[in-house]
Amino acid sequence: MTLTKAHIVEALADQNGYAKKQSVNTVETLLEIIKRTLESGEDVMISGFGRFCVKEKRKRRGRNPATGEDMMLAPRKVVTFQCSGILREKLNRKKATAKKNLKSMQELLNVILAQA
């Protein structure tokens, strides 16, 4: 099962007694902060979770799959994710259930909100 924004909102509301609208606003605010930071070219590090890094890709030779024609692809930026050692350890120790994932995400949101 994929963890969606709706699942995060629901877990945040259920576990903290927030109104759904307040949970939606909290998640949206958090995601906007992360997006703005990445757009400015800065990395986002969340302790115990991982780091989102902005990487620059140089221009490169590519091929149009429809025509087979060679072309140059423009330079671009991509976002990569490197999980923390703590998260990697948890992933390799045992499979987490969806319920545990939701709880971990809620704890992560609480840490981030406390820092903001």
C-alpha atoms as a PDB file:
ATOM      1  CA  MET A   1       0.000   0.000   0.000  1.00  0.00           C
ATOM      2  CA  THR A   2       1.310   3.428  -0.928  1.00  0.00           C
ATOM      3  CA  LEU A   3       1.241   6.117   1.728  1.00  0.00           C
ATOM      4  CA  THR A   4      -0.625   9.079   0.232  1.00  0.00           C
ATOM      5  CA  LYS A   5      -1.156  12.647   1.359  1.00  0.00           C
ATOM      6  CA  ALA A   6      -4.713  11.703   2.309  1.00  0.00           C
ATOM      7  CA  HIS A   7      -3.403   8.904   4.565  1.00  0.00           C
ATOM      8  CA  ILE A   8      -1.009  11.321   6.257  1.00  0.00           C
ATOM      9  CA  VAL A   9      -3.813  13.857   6.816  1.00  0.00           C
ATOM     10  CA  GLU A  10      -6.065  11.183   8.256  1.00  0.00           C
ATOM     11  CA  ALA A  11      -3.364   9.806  10.576  1.00  0.00           C
ATOM     12  CA  LEU A  12      -2.446  13.300  11.759  1.00  0.00           C
ATOM     13  CA  ALA A  13      -6.089  14.061  12.560  1.00  0.00           C
ATOM     14  CA  ASP A  14      -6.741  10.712  14.262  1.00  0.00           C
ATOM     15  CA  GLN A  15      -3.582  10.542  16.354  1.00  0.00           C
ATOM     16  CA  ASN A  16      -3.571  14.173  17.506  1.00  0.00           C
ATOM     17  CA  GLY A  17      -7.272  14.924  17.702  1.00  0.00           C
ATOM     18  CA  TYR A  18      -6.956  17.661  15.069  1.00  0.00           C
ATOM     19  CA  ALA A  19      -9.831  18.678  12.866  1.00  0.00           C
ATOM     20  CA  LYS A  20      -9.386  17.347   9.332  1.00  0.00           C
ATOM     21  CA  LYS A  21      -9.064  20.891   7.959  1.00  0.00           C
ATOM     22  CA  GLN A  22      -6.275  21.659  10.435  1.00  0.00           C
ATOM     23  CA  SER A  23      -4.499  18.445   9.421  1.00  0.00           C
ATOM     24  CA  VAL A  24      -4.810  19.331   5.736  1.00  0.00           C
ATOM     25  CA  ASN A  25      -3.385  22.805   6.392  1.00  0.00           C
ATOM     26  CA  THR A  26      -0.500  21.348   8.429  1.00  0.00           C
ATOM     27  CA  VAL A  27       0.472  18.827   5.745  1.00  0.00           C
ATOM     28  CA  GLU A  28       0.137  21.408   2.956  1.00  0.00           C
ATOM     29  CA  THR A  29       2.283  23.894   4.897  1.00  0.00           C
ATOM     30  CA  LEU A  30       4.951  21.281   5.533  1.00  0.00           C
ATOM     31  CA  LEU A  31       5.071  20.257   1.876  1.00  0.00           C
ATOM     32  CA  GLU A  32       5.211  23.893   0.729  1.00  0.00           C
ATOM     33  CA  ILE A  33       8.194  24.550   3.029  1.00  0.00           C
ATOM     34  CA  ILE A  34       9.983  21.516   1.614  1.00  0.00           C
ATOM     35  CA  LYS A  35       9.172  22.497  -1.996  1.00  0.00           C
ATOM     36  CA  ARG A  36      10.331  26.106  -1.538  1.00  0.00           C
ATOM     37  CA  THR A  37      13.578  24.941   0.035  1.00  0.00           C
ATOM     38  CA  LEU A  38      14.275  22.502  -2.804  1.00  0.00           C
ATOM     39  CA  GLU A  39      13.344  25.101  -5.438  1.00  0.00           C
ATOM     40  CA  SER A  40      15.944  27.448  -3.950  1.00  0.00           C
ATOM     41  CA  GLY A  41      18.563  24.731  -4.494  1.00  0.00           C
ATOM     42  CA  GLU A  42      19.023  23.833  -0.834  1.00  0.00           C
ATOM     43  CA  ASP A  43      18.912  20.307   0.566  1.00  0.00           C
ATOM     44  CA  VAL A  44      16.261  19.224   3.073  1.00  0.00           C
ATOM     45  CA  MET A  45      17.538  17.061   5.916  1.00  0.00           C
ATOM     46  CA  ILE A  46      15.086  15.426   8.305  1.00  0.00           C
ATOM     47  CA  SER A  47      16.865  13.790  11.207  1.00  0.00           C
ATOM     48  CA  GLY A  48      16.090  10.095  11.531  1.00  0.00           C
ATOM     49  CA  PHE A  49      14.399  10.033   8.113  1.00  0.00           C
ATOM     50  CA  GLY A  50      16.756  11.175   5.372  1.00  0.00           C
ATOM     51  CA  ARG A  51      17.910  13.936   3.075  1.00  0.00           C
ATOM     52  CA  PHE A  52      16.421  15.298  -0.126  1.00  0.00           C
ATOM     53  CA  CYS A  53      19.247  16.621  -2.317  1.00  0.00           C
ATOM     54  CA  VAL A  54      19.065  18.843  -5.391  1.00  0.00           C
ATOM     55  CA  LYS A  55      21.494  17.564  -8.044  1.00  0.00           C
ATOM     56  CA  GLU A  56      22.480  19.275 -11.290  1.00  0.00           C
ATOM     57  CA  LYS A  57      22.447  17.135 -14.433  1.00  0.00           C
ATOM     58  CA  ARG A  58      24.615  18.280 -17.329  1.00  0.00           C
ATOM     59  CA  LYS A  59      23.337  18.418 -20.869  1.00  0.00           C
ATOM     60  CA  ARG A  60      23.595  15.054 -22.538  1.00  0.00           C
ATOM     61  CA  ARG A  61      23.001  13.250 -25.756  1.00  0.00           C
ATOM     62  CA  GLY A  62      19.640  11.526 -26.009  1.00  0.00           C
ATOM     63  CA  ARG A  63      17.387   9.959 -28.580  1.00  0.00           C
ATOM     64  CA  ASN A  64      13.773  10.638 -29.513  1.00  0.00           C
ATOM     65  CA  PRO A  65      12.122   7.244 -28.961  1.00  0.00           C
ATOM     66  CA  ALA A  66       9.439   7.906 -31.586  1.00  0.00           C
ATOM     67  CA  THR A  67      11.783   8.849 -34.438  1.00  0.00           C
ATOM     68  CA  GLY A  68      15.146   7.506 -33.287  1.00  0.00           C
ATOM     69  CA  GLU A  69      16.628  10.947 -33.982  1.00  0.00           C
ATOM     70  CA  ASP A  70      19.654  11.983 -31.870  1.00  0.00           C
ATOM     71  CA  MET A  71      19.208  15.139 -29.830  1.00  0.00           C
ATOM     72  CA  MET A  72      20.818  17.066 -26.983  1.00  0.00           C
ATOM     73  CA  LEU A  73      18.907  17.101 -23.718  1.00  0.00           C
ATOM     74  CA  ALA A  74      19.102  20.364 -21.775  1.00  0.00           C
ATOM     75  CA  PRO A  75      20.743  20.566 -18.355  1.00  0.00           C
ATOM     76  CA  ARG A  76      18.286  20.088 -15.518  1.00  0.00           C
ATOM     77  CA  LYS A  77      17.937  19.694 -11.780  1.00  0.00           C
ATOM     78  CA  VAL A  78      16.654  16.547 -10.092  1.00  0.00           C
ATOM     79  CA  VAL A  79      15.807  15.699  -6.500  1.00  0.00           C
ATOM     80  CA  THR A  80      17.319  12.586  -4.959  1.00  0.00           C
ATOM     81  CA  PHE A  81      16.622  11.004  -1.588  1.00  0.00           C
ATOM     82  CA  GLN A  82      19.163   9.398   0.726  1.00  0.00           C
ATOM     83  CA  CYS A  83      17.661   7.668   3.729  1.00  0.00           C
ATOM     84  CA  SER A  84      19.258   8.068   7.142  1.00  0.00           C
ATOM     85  CA  GLY A  85      21.163   5.260   8.777  1.00  0.00           C
ATOM     86  CA  ILE A  86      18.393   4.968  11.352  1.00  0.00           C
ATOM     87  CA  LEU A  87      15.735   4.474   8.685  1.00  0.00           C
ATOM     88  CA  ARG A  88      17.932   2.075   6.713  1.00  0.00           C
ATOM     89  CA  GLU A  89      18.465   0.020   9.864  1.00  0.00           C
ATOM     90  CA  LYS A  90      14.722  -0.130  10.546  1.00  0.00           C
ATOM     91  CA  LEU A  91      13.984  -1.135   6.949  1.00  0.00           C
ATOM     92  CA  ASN A  92      16.507  -3.931   7.018  1.00  0.00           C
ATOM     93  CA  ARG A  93      15.562  -5.199  10.475  1.00  0.00           C
ATOM     94  CA  LYS A  94      11.969  -6.125   9.662  1.00  0.00           C
ATOM     95  CA  LYS A  95       9.130  -5.221   7.329  1.00  0.00           C
ATOM     96  CA  ALA A  96       7.059  -2.366   8.698  1.00  0.00           C
ATOM     97  CA  THR A  97       3.289  -2.574   8.524  1.00  0.00           C
ATOM     98  CA  ALA A  98       1.211   0.210   7.048  1.00  0.00           C
ATOM     99  CA  LYS A  99       0.035   1.190  10.522  1.00  0.00           C
ATOM    100  CA  LYS A 100       3.626   1.598  11.748  1.00  0.00           C
ATOM    101  CA  ASN A 101       4.451   3.629   8.648  1.00  0.00           C
ATOM    102  CA  LEU A 102       1.595   6.004   9.397  1.00  0.00           C
ATOM    103  CA  LYS A 103       2.732   6.372  13.010  1.00  0.00           C
ATOM    104  CA  SER A 104       6.340   7.026  11.932  1.00  0.00           C
ATOM    105  CA  MET A 105       5.184   9.642   9.427  1.00  0.00           C
ATOM    106  CA  GLN A 106       3.085  11.327  12.121  1.00  0.00           C
ATOM    107  CA  GLU A 107       6.102  11.403  14.466  1.00  0.00           C
ATOM    108  CA  LEU A 108       8.173  12.880  11.645  1.00  0.00           C
ATOM    109  CA  LEU A 109       5.581  15.596  11.062  1.00  0.00           C
ATOM    110  CA  ASN A 110       5.553  16.425  14.786  1.00  0.00           C
ATOM    111  CA  VAL A 111       9.371  16.808  14.806  1.00  0.00           C
ATOM    112  CA  ILE A 112       9.311  19.036  11.726  1.00  0.00           C
ATOM    113  CA  LEU A 113       6.477  21.185  13.054  1.00  0.00           C
ATOM    114  CA  ALA A 114       8.246  21.602  16.393  1.00  0.00           C
ATOM    115  CA  GLN A 115      11.309  22.944  14.529  1.00  0.00           C
ATOM    116  CA  ALA A 116       9.324  25.352  12.296  1.00  0.00           C
END
